[in-house]
Amino acid sequence: MSDTDYTGGGTDTLDRELEELLNKEQVEEGDHERFSHYAPKNKIMESALSGKPVRALCGKLWVPGRDPEKFPVCPTCKEVYDKLKK
């Protein structure tokens, strides 16, 4: 079976769904689990050693453990970070 034998989906659909999710004005309940978050580096390192949760810039409390490169950046964290840079 060749790639042309499949119908529907594909990476175009995933890209479009991701773009729609990131373009939403508000982050919906549960979306925090789908993003990588910004937090102070020293707190992330401390969490890696102690296992204690870290507070992200968006307010989410979590224990870092996933590869952040595999997820889009949390839009709320990015917005707060951009404001802090100014």
PDB file of N, CA and C in Angstrom:
ATOM      1  N   MET A   1       0.852  -1.178   0.000  1.00  0.00           N
ATOM      2  CA  MET A   1       0.000   0.000   0.000  1.00  0.00           C
ATOM      3  C   MET A   1       0.895   1.237   0.000  1.00  0.00           C
ATOM      4  N   SER A   2       0.627   2.183  -0.856  1.00  0.00           N
ATOM      5  CA  SER A   2       1.435   3.396  -0.921  1.00  0.00           C
ATOM      6  C   SER A   2       0.815   4.498  -0.079  1.00  0.00           C
ATOM      7  N   ASP A   3       1.567   5.588   0.121  1.00  0.00           N
ATOM      8  CA  ASP A   3       1.085   6.729   0.899  1.00  0.00           C
ATOM      9  C   ASP A   3      -0.163   7.346   0.285  1.00  0.00           C
ATOM     10  N   THR A   4      -0.322   7.218  -1.009  1.00  0.00           N
ATOM     11  CA  THR A   4      -1.484   7.817  -1.672  1.00  0.00           C
ATOM     12  C   THR A   4      -2.749   7.002  -1.443  1.00  0.00           C
ATOM     13  N   ASP A   5      -2.609   5.777  -0.906  1.00  0.00           N
ATOM     14  CA  ASP A   5      -3.774   4.935  -0.637  1.00  0.00           C
ATOM     15  C   ASP A   5      -4.509   5.356   0.632  1.00  0.00           C
ATOM     16  N   TYR A   6      -3.872   6.158   1.482  1.00  0.00           N
ATOM     17  CA  TYR A   6      -4.503   6.595   2.730  1.00  0.00           C
ATOM     18  C   TYR A   6      -5.347   7.832   2.484  1.00  0.00           C
ATOM     19  N   THR A   7      -6.421   7.937   3.229  1.00  0.00           N
ATOM     20  CA  THR A   7      -7.261   9.137   3.131  1.00  0.00           C
ATOM     21  C   THR A   7      -7.330   9.811   4.480  1.00  0.00           C
ATOM     22  N   GLY A   8      -7.594  11.117   4.482  1.00  0.00           N
ATOM     23  CA  GLY A   8      -7.775  11.866   5.725  1.00  0.00           C
ATOM     24  C   GLY A   8      -6.453  12.283   6.325  1.00  0.00           C
ATOM     25  N   GLY A   9      -6.489  12.682   7.589  1.00  0.00           N
ATOM     26  CA  GLY A   9      -5.399  13.046   8.472  1.00  0.00           C
ATOM     27  C   GLY A   9      -4.086  13.451   7.853  1.00  0.00           C
ATOM     28  N   GLY A  10      -3.051  12.973   8.448  1.00  0.00           N
ATOM     29  CA  GLY A  10      -1.713  13.328   8.015  1.00  0.00           C
ATOM     30  C   GLY A  10      -1.167  14.492   8.800  1.00  0.00           C
ATOM     31  N   THR A  11       0.055  14.887   8.478  1.00  0.00           N
ATOM     32  CA  THR A  11       0.700  15.962   9.226  1.00  0.00           C
ATOM     33  C   THR A  11       0.043  17.302   8.995  1.00  0.00           C
ATOM     34  N   ASP A  12      -0.563  17.510   7.820  1.00  0.00           N
ATOM     35  CA  ASP A  12      -1.257  18.779   7.577  1.00  0.00           C
ATOM     36  C   ASP A  12      -2.380  18.981   8.577  1.00  0.00           C
ATOM     37  N   THR A  13      -3.115  17.923   8.863  1.00  0.00           N
ATOM     38  CA  THR A  13      -4.209  18.006   9.839  1.00  0.00           C
ATOM     39  C   THR A  13      -3.654  18.293  11.223  1.00  0.00           C
ATOM     40  N   LEU A  14      -2.588  17.612  11.620  1.00  0.00           N
ATOM     41  CA  LEU A  14      -1.987  17.849  12.937  1.00  0.00           C
ATOM     42  C   LEU A  14      -1.464  19.268  13.059  1.00  0.00           C
ATOM     43  N   ASP A  15      -0.783  19.749  12.019  1.00  0.00           N
ATOM     44  CA  ASP A  15      -0.264  21.116  12.034  1.00  0.00           C
ATOM     45  C   ASP A  15      -1.393  22.130  12.160  1.00  0.00           C
ATOM     46  N   ARG A  16      -2.470  21.900  11.437  1.00  0.00           N
ATOM     47  CA  ARG A  16      -3.609  22.816  11.475  1.00  0.00           C
ATOM     48  C   ARG A  16      -4.260  22.805  12.860  1.00  0.00           C
ATOM     49  N   GLU A  17      -4.424  21.617  13.463  1.00  0.00           N
ATOM     50  CA  GLU A  17      -5.015  21.521  14.798  1.00  0.00           C
ATOM     51  C   GLU A  17      -4.131  22.211  15.833  1.00  0.00           C
ATOM     52  N   LEU A  18      -2.829  22.037  15.730  1.00  0.00           N
ATOM     53  CA  LEU A  18      -1.902  22.673  16.652  1.00  0.00           C
ATOM     54  C   LEU A  18      -1.955  24.187  16.496  1.00  0.00           C
ATOM     55  N   GLU A  19      -1.994  24.658  15.263  1.00  0.00           N
ATOM     56  CA  GLU A  19      -2.070  26.095  15.012  1.00  0.00           C
ATOM     57  C   GLU A  19      -3.359  26.672  15.595  1.00  0.00           C
ATOM     58  N   GLU A  20      -4.483  25.972  15.428  1.00  0.00           N
ATOM     59  CA  GLU A  20      -5.749  26.433  15.984  1.00  0.00           C
ATOM     60  C   GLU A  20      -5.673  26.490  17.505  1.00  0.00           C
ATOM     61  N   LEU A  21      -5.062  25.489  18.115  1.00  0.00           N
ATOM     62  CA  LEU A  21      -4.929  25.451  19.564  1.00  0.00           C
ATOM     63  C   LEU A  21      -4.088  26.615  20.059  1.00  0.00           C
ATOM     64  N   LEU A  22      -2.992  26.902  19.392  1.00  0.00           N
ATOM     65  CA  LEU A  22      -2.103  27.970  19.821  1.00  0.00           C
ATOM     66  C   LEU A  22      -2.677  29.354  19.543  1.00  0.00           C
ATOM     67  N   ASN A  23      -3.586  29.456  18.582  1.00  0.00           N
ATOM     68  CA  ASN A  23      -4.159  30.748  18.246  1.00  0.00           C
ATOM     69  C   ASN A  23      -5.381  31.101  19.077  1.00  0.00           C
ATOM     70  N   LYS A  24      -5.835  30.197  19.938  1.00  0.00           N
ATOM     71  CA  LYS A  24      -6.973  30.495  20.797  1.00  0.00           C
ATOM     72  C   LYS A  24      -6.603  31.640  21.724  1.00  0.00           C
ATOM     73  N   GLU A  25      -7.582  32.502  22.013  1.00  0.00           N
ATOM     74  CA  GLU A  25      -7.305  33.615  22.909  1.00  0.00           C
ATOM     75  C   GLU A  25      -7.104  33.125  24.337  1.00  0.00           C
ATOM     76  N   GLN A  26      -7.876  32.128  24.741  1.00  0.00           N
ATOM     77  CA  GLN A  26      -7.768  31.623  26.098  1.00  0.00           C
ATOM     78  C   GLN A  26      -7.354  30.167  26.059  1.00  0.00           C
ATOM     79  N   VAL A  27      -6.579  29.773  27.045  1.00  0.00           N
ATOM     80  CA  VAL A  27      -6.192  28.380  27.181  1.00  0.00           C
ATOM     81  C   VAL A  27      -7.305  27.673  27.941  1.00  0.00           C
ATOM     82  N   GLU A  28      -7.793  26.579  27.378  1.00  0.00           N
ATOM     83  CA  GLU A  28      -8.885  25.856  28.002  1.00  0.00           C
ATOM     84  C   GLU A  28      -8.378  24.964  29.124  1.00  0.00           C
ATOM     85  N   GLU A  29      -9.304  24.550  29.989  1.00  0.00           N
ATOM     86  CA  GLU A  29      -8.988  23.654  31.100  1.00  0.00           C
ATOM     87  C   GLU A  29      -8.313  22.394  30.556  1.00  0.00           C
ATOM     88  N   GLY A  30      -7.203  22.000  31.152  1.00  0.00           N
ATOM     89  CA  GLY A  30      -6.483  20.802  30.734  1.00  0.00           C
ATOM     90  C   GLY A  30      -5.409  21.053  29.695  1.00  0.00           C
ATOM     91  N   ASP A  31      -5.417  22.217  29.053  1.00  0.00           N
ATOM     92  CA  ASP A  31      -4.417  22.508  28.027  1.00  0.00           C
ATOM     93  C   ASP A  31      -3.019  22.636  28.609  1.00  0.00           C
ATOM     94  N   HIS A  32      -2.911  22.937  29.899  1.00  0.00           N
ATOM     95  CA  HIS A  32      -1.598  23.077  30.525  1.00  0.00           C
ATOM     96  C   HIS A  32      -0.793  21.792  30.406  1.00  0.00           C
ATOM     97  N   GLU A  33      -1.467  20.663  30.289  1.00  0.00           N
ATOM     98  CA  GLU A  33      -0.775  19.384  30.179  1.00  0.00           C
ATOM     99  C   GLU A  33      -0.178  19.176  28.786  1.00  0.00           C
ATOM    100  N   ARG A  34      -0.579  19.976  27.826  1.00  0.00           N
ATOM    101  CA  ARG A  34      -0.140  19.800  26.436  1.00  0.00           C
ATOM    102  C   ARG A  34       1.020  20.701  26.059  1.00  0.00           C
ATOM    103  N   PHE A  35       1.512  21.495  26.991  1.00  0.00           N
ATOM    104  CA  PHE A  35       2.533  22.489  26.697  1.00  0.00           C
ATOM    105  C   PHE A  35       3.792  22.284  27.529  1.00  0.00           C
ATOM    106  N   SER A  36       4.891  22.854  27.039  1.00  0.00           N
ATOM    107  CA  SER A  36       6.073  22.996  27.883  1.00  0.00           C
ATOM    108  C   SER A  36       5.947  24.379  28.526  1.00  0.00           C
ATOM    109  N   HIS A  37       6.435  24.492  29.743  1.00  0.00           N
ATOM    110  CA  HIS A  37       6.231  25.714  30.523  1.00  0.00           C
ATOM    111  C   HIS A  37       7.549  26.381  30.867  1.00  0.00           C
ATOM    112  N   TYR A  38       7.480  27.687  31.110  1.00  0.00           N
ATOM    113  CA  TYR A  38       8.636  28.461  31.541  1.00  0.00           C
ATOM    114  C   TYR A  38       8.635  28.547  33.060  1.00  0.00           C
ATOM    115  N   ALA A  39       9.807  28.349  33.633  1.00  0.00           N
ATOM    116  CA  ALA A  39      10.034  28.505  35.071  1.00  0.00           C
ATOM    117  C   ALA A  39      11.509  28.865  35.244  1.00  0.00           C
ATOM    118  N   PRO A  40      11.866  29.467  36.374  1.00  0.00           N
ATOM    119  CA  PRO A  40      13.278  29.805  36.597  1.00  0.00           C
ATOM    120  C   PRO A  40      14.164  28.555  36.533  1.00  0.00           C
ATOM    121  N   LYS A  41      15.294  28.681  35.834  1.00  0.00           N
ATOM    122  CA  LYS A  41      16.207  27.544  35.658  1.00  0.00           C
ATOM    123  C   LYS A  41      16.631  26.929  36.978  1.00  0.00           C
ATOM    124  N   ASN A  42      16.940  27.791  37.972  1.00  0.00           N
ATOM    125  CA  ASN A  42      17.398  27.247  39.254  1.00  0.00           C
ATOM    126  C   ASN A  42      16.299  26.422  39.925  1.00  0.00           C
ATOM    127  N   LYS A  43      15.030  26.798  39.725  1.00  0.00           N
ATOM    128  CA  LYS A  43      13.916  26.036  40.305  1.00  0.00           C
ATOM    129  C   LYS A  43      13.738  24.699  39.589  1.00  0.00           C
ATOM    130  N   ILE A  44      13.966  24.700  38.283  1.00  0.00           N
ATOM    131  CA  ILE A  44      13.858  23.447  37.529  1.00  0.00           C
ATOM    132  C   ILE A  44      14.965  22.487  37.949  1.00  0.00           C
ATOM    133  N   MET A  45      16.186  23.014  38.123  1.00  0.00           N
ATOM    134  CA  MET A  45      17.302  22.178  38.579  1.00  0.00           C
ATOM    135  C   MET A  45      17.040  21.642  39.989  1.00  0.00           C
ATOM    136  N   GLU A  46      16.530  22.503  40.847  1.00  0.00           N
ATOM    137  CA  GLU A  46      16.205  22.095  42.212  1.00  0.00           C
ATOM    138  C   GLU A  46      15.150  20.985  42.198  1.00  0.00           C
ATOM    139  N   SER A  47      14.167  21.125  41.342  1.00  0.00           N
ATOM    140  CA  SER A  47      13.118  20.117  41.221  1.00  0.00           C
ATOM    141  C   SER A  47      13.678  18.792  40.717  1.00  0.00           C
ATOM    142  N   ALA A  48      14.619  18.870  39.773  1.00  0.00           N
ATOM    143  CA  ALA A  48      15.233  17.649  39.237  1.00  0.00           C
ATOM    144  C   ALA A  48      15.958  16.869  40.331  1.00  0.00           C
ATOM    145  N   LEU A  49      16.529  17.600  41.277  1.00  0.00           N
ATOM    146  CA  LEU A  49      17.267  16.946  42.364  1.00  0.00           C
ATOM    147  C   LEU A  49      16.351  16.494  43.503  1.00  0.00           C
ATOM    148  N   SER A  50      15.328  17.298  43.801  1.00  0.00           N
ATOM    149  CA  SER A  50      14.489  17.018  44.965  1.00  0.00           C
ATOM    150  C   SER A  50      13.170  16.331  44.633  1.00  0.00           C
ATOM    151  N   GLY A  51      12.696  16.502  43.401  1.00  0.00           N
ATOM    152  CA  GLY A  51      11.398  15.954  43.031  1.00  0.00           C
ATOM    153  C   GLY A  51      10.233  16.842  43.440  1.00  0.00           C
ATOM    154  N   LYS A  52      10.544  18.012  43.995  1.00  0.00           N
ATOM    155  CA  LYS A  52       9.494  18.937  44.412  1.00  0.00           C
ATOM    156  C   LYS A  52       8.947  19.680  43.189  1.00  0.00           C
ATOM    157  N   PRO A  53       7.654  20.013  43.214  1.00  0.00           N
ATOM    158  CA  PRO A  53       7.055  20.729  42.080  1.00  0.00           C
ATOM    159  C   PRO A  53       7.591  22.143  41.914  1.00  0.00           C
ATOM    160  N   VAL A  54       7.453  22.657  40.695  1.00  0.00           N
ATOM    161  CA  VAL A  54       7.888  24.000  40.314  1.00  0.00           C
ATOM    162  C   VAL A  54       6.646  24.775  39.883  1.00  0.00           C
ATOM    163  N   ARG A  55       6.633  26.075  40.149  1.00  0.00           N
ATOM    164  CA  ARG A  55       5.534  26.936  39.702  1.00  0.00           C
ATOM    165  C   ARG A  55       5.960  27.606  38.393  1.00  0.00           C
ATOM    166  N   ALA A  56       5.225  27.334  37.311  1.00  0.00           N
ATOM    167  CA  ALA A  56       5.504  27.947  36.009  1.00  0.00           C
ATOM    168  C   ALA A  56       5.026  29.393  36.013  1.00  0.00           C
ATOM    169  N   LEU A  57       5.477  30.153  35.035  1.00  0.00           N
ATOM    170  CA  LEU A  57       5.066  31.550  34.932  1.00  0.00           C
ATOM    171  C   LEU A  57       3.556  31.695  34.774  1.00  0.00           C
ATOM    172  N   CYS A  58       2.903  30.687  34.211  1.00  0.00           N
ATOM    173  CA  CYS A  58       1.451  30.727  34.016  1.00  0.00           C
ATOM    174  C   CYS A  58       0.697  30.351  35.282  1.00  0.00           C
ATOM    175  N   GLY A  59       1.421  29.856  36.289  1.00  0.00           N
ATOM    176  CA  GLY A  59       0.784  29.458  37.537  1.00  0.00           C
ATOM    177  C   GLY A  59       0.673  27.958  37.728  1.00  0.00           C
ATOM    178  N   LYS A  60       0.915  27.180  36.694  1.00  0.00           N
ATOM    179  CA  LYS A  60       0.816  25.726  36.808  1.00  0.00           C
ATOM    180  C   LYS A  60       1.899  25.209  37.752  1.00  0.00           C
ATOM    181  N   LEU A  61       1.512  24.326  38.651  1.00  0.00           N
ATOM    182  CA  LEU A  61       2.438  23.668  39.557  1.00  0.00           C
ATOM    183  C   LEU A  61       2.666  22.258  39.016  1.00  0.00           C
ATOM    184  N   TRP A  62       3.923  21.928  38.708  1.00  0.00           N
ATOM    185  CA  TRP A  62       4.216  20.618  38.132  1.00  0.00           C
ATOM    186  C   TRP A  62       5.647  20.210  38.421  1.00  0.00           C
ATOM    187  N   VAL A  63       5.890  18.916  38.272  1.00  0.00           N
ATOM    188  CA  VAL A  63       7.246  18.382  38.412  1.00  0.00           C
ATOM    189  C   VAL A  63       7.767  18.143  37.005  1.00  0.00           C
ATOM    190  N   PRO A  64       8.768  18.921  36.562  1.00  0.00           N
ATOM    191  CA  PRO A  64       9.309  18.738  35.212  1.00  0.00           C
ATOM    192  C   PRO A  64       9.846  17.325  35.037  1.00  0.00           C
ATOM    193  N   GLY A  65       9.505  16.725  33.913  1.00  0.00           N
ATOM    194  CA  GLY A  65       9.987  15.380  33.676  1.00  0.00           C
ATOM    195  C   GLY A  65       9.953  15.003  32.205  1.00  0.00           C
ATOM    196  N   ARG A  66       9.194  15.754  31.419  1.00  0.00           N
ATOM    197  CA  ARG A  66       9.095  15.468  29.988  1.00  0.00           C
ATOM    198  C   ARG A  66      10.090  16.328  29.232  1.00  0.00           C
ATOM    199  N   ASP A  67      10.422  15.896  28.025  1.00  0.00           N
ATOM    200  CA  ASP A  67      11.301  16.668  27.159  1.00  0.00           C
ATOM    201  C   ASP A  67      10.524  17.874  26.642  1.00  0.00           C
ATOM    202  N   PRO A  68      10.874  19.098  27.060  1.00  0.00           N
ATOM    203  CA  PRO A  68      10.103  20.272  26.653  1.00  0.00           C
ATOM    204  C   PRO A  68      10.155  20.542  25.152  1.00  0.00           C
ATOM    205  N   GLU A  69      11.144  19.987  24.465  1.00  0.00           N
ATOM    206  CA  GLU A  69      11.263  20.190  23.021  1.00  0.00           C
ATOM    207  C   GLU A  69      10.143  19.475  22.253  1.00  0.00           C
ATOM    208  N   LYS A  70       9.470  18.525  22.900  1.00  0.00           N
ATOM    209  CA  LYS A  70       8.428  17.745  22.232  1.00  0.00           C
ATOM    210  C   LYS A  70       7.059  18.419  22.294  1.00  0.00           C
ATOM    211  N   PHE A  71       6.958  19.552  22.980  1.00  0.00           N
ATOM    212  CA  PHE A  71       5.668  20.214  23.158  1.00  0.00           C
ATOM    213  C   PHE A  71       5.777  21.687  22.798  1.00  0.00           C
ATOM    214  N   PRO A  72       4.687  22.277  22.341  1.00  0.00           N
ATOM    215  CA  PRO A  72       4.704  23.719  22.082  1.00  0.00           C
ATOM    216  C   PRO A  72       4.774  24.482  23.402  1.00  0.00           C
ATOM    217  N   VAL A  73       5.295  25.696  23.360  1.00  0.00           N
ATOM    218  CA  VAL A  73       5.422  26.524  24.565  1.00  0.00           C
ATOM    219  C   VAL A  73       4.036  27.002  24.990  1.00  0.00           C
ATOM    220  N   CYS A  74       3.790  26.973  26.278  1.00  0.00           N
ATOM    221  CA  CYS A  74       2.540  27.467  26.854  1.00  0.00           C
ATOM    222  C   CYS A  74       2.381  28.942  26.471  1.00  0.00           C
ATOM    223  N   PRO A  75       1.274  29.315  25.826  1.00  0.00           N
ATOM    224  CA  PRO A  75       1.114  30.707  25.405  1.00  0.00           C
ATOM    225  C   PRO A  75       1.060  31.685  26.582  1.00  0.00           C
ATOM    226  N   THR A  76       0.531  31.266  27.712  1.00  0.00           N
ATOM    227  CA  THR A  76       0.478  32.148  28.875  1.00  0.00           C
ATOM    228  C   THR A  76       1.875  32.368  29.434  1.00  0.00           C
ATOM    229  N   CYS A  77       2.673  31.304  29.540  1.00  0.00           N
ATOM    230  CA  CYS A  77       4.053  31.442  30.007  1.00  0.00           C
ATOM    231  C   CYS A  77       4.832  32.371  29.078  1.00  0.00           C
ATOM    232  N   LYS A  78       4.668  32.194  27.771  1.00  0.00           N
ATOM    233  CA  LYS A  78       5.383  33.021  26.798  1.00  0.00           C
ATOM    234  C   LYS A  78       4.984  34.489  26.943  1.00  0.00           C
ATOM    235  N   GLU A  79       3.705  34.750  27.129  1.00  0.00           N
ATOM    236  CA  GLU A  79       3.224  36.122  27.293  1.00  0.00           C
ATOM    237  C   GLU A  79       3.822  36.772  28.542  1.00  0.00           C
ATOM    238  N   VAL A  80       3.828  36.042  29.647  1.00  0.00           N
ATOM    239  CA  VAL A  80       4.418  36.576  30.890  1.00  0.00           C
ATOM    240  C   VAL A  80       5.903  36.803  30.712  1.00  0.00           C
ATOM    241  N   TYR A  81       6.603  35.838  30.106  1.00  0.00           N
ATOM    242  CA  TYR A  81       8.042  35.961  29.884  1.00  0.00           C
ATOM    243  C   TYR A  81       8.373  37.172  29.033  1.00  0.00           C
ATOM    244  N   ASP A  82       7.601  37.368  27.957  1.00  0.00           N
ATOM    245  CA  ASP A  82       7.839  38.511  27.067  1.00  0.00           C
ATOM    246  C   ASP A  82       7.645  39.826  27.818  1.00  0.00           C
ATOM    247  N   LYS A  83       6.689  39.894  28.718  1.00  0.00           N
ATOM    248  CA  LYS A  83       6.460  41.104  29.505  1.00  0.00           C
ATOM    249  C   LYS A  83       7.604  41.330  30.493  1.00  0.00           C
ATOM    250  N   LEU A  84       8.145  40.240  31.046  1.00  0.00           N
ATOM    251  CA  LEU A  84       9.260  40.349  31.995  1.00  0.00           C
ATOM    252  C   LEU A  84      10.541  40.815  31.310  1.00  0.00           C
ATOM    253  N   LYS A  85      10.731  40.440  30.052  1.00  0.00           N
ATOM    254  CA  LYS A  85      11.932  40.818  29.301  1.00  0.00           C
ATOM    255  C   LYS A  85      12.004  42.327  29.061  1.00  0.00           C
ATOM    256  N   LYS A  86      10.846  42.972  28.967  1.00  0.00           N
ATOM    257  CA  LYS A  86      10.806  44.405  28.640  1.00  0.00           C
ATOM    258  C   LYS A  86      11.220  45.236  29.777  1.00  0.00           C
TER     259      LYS A  86
END
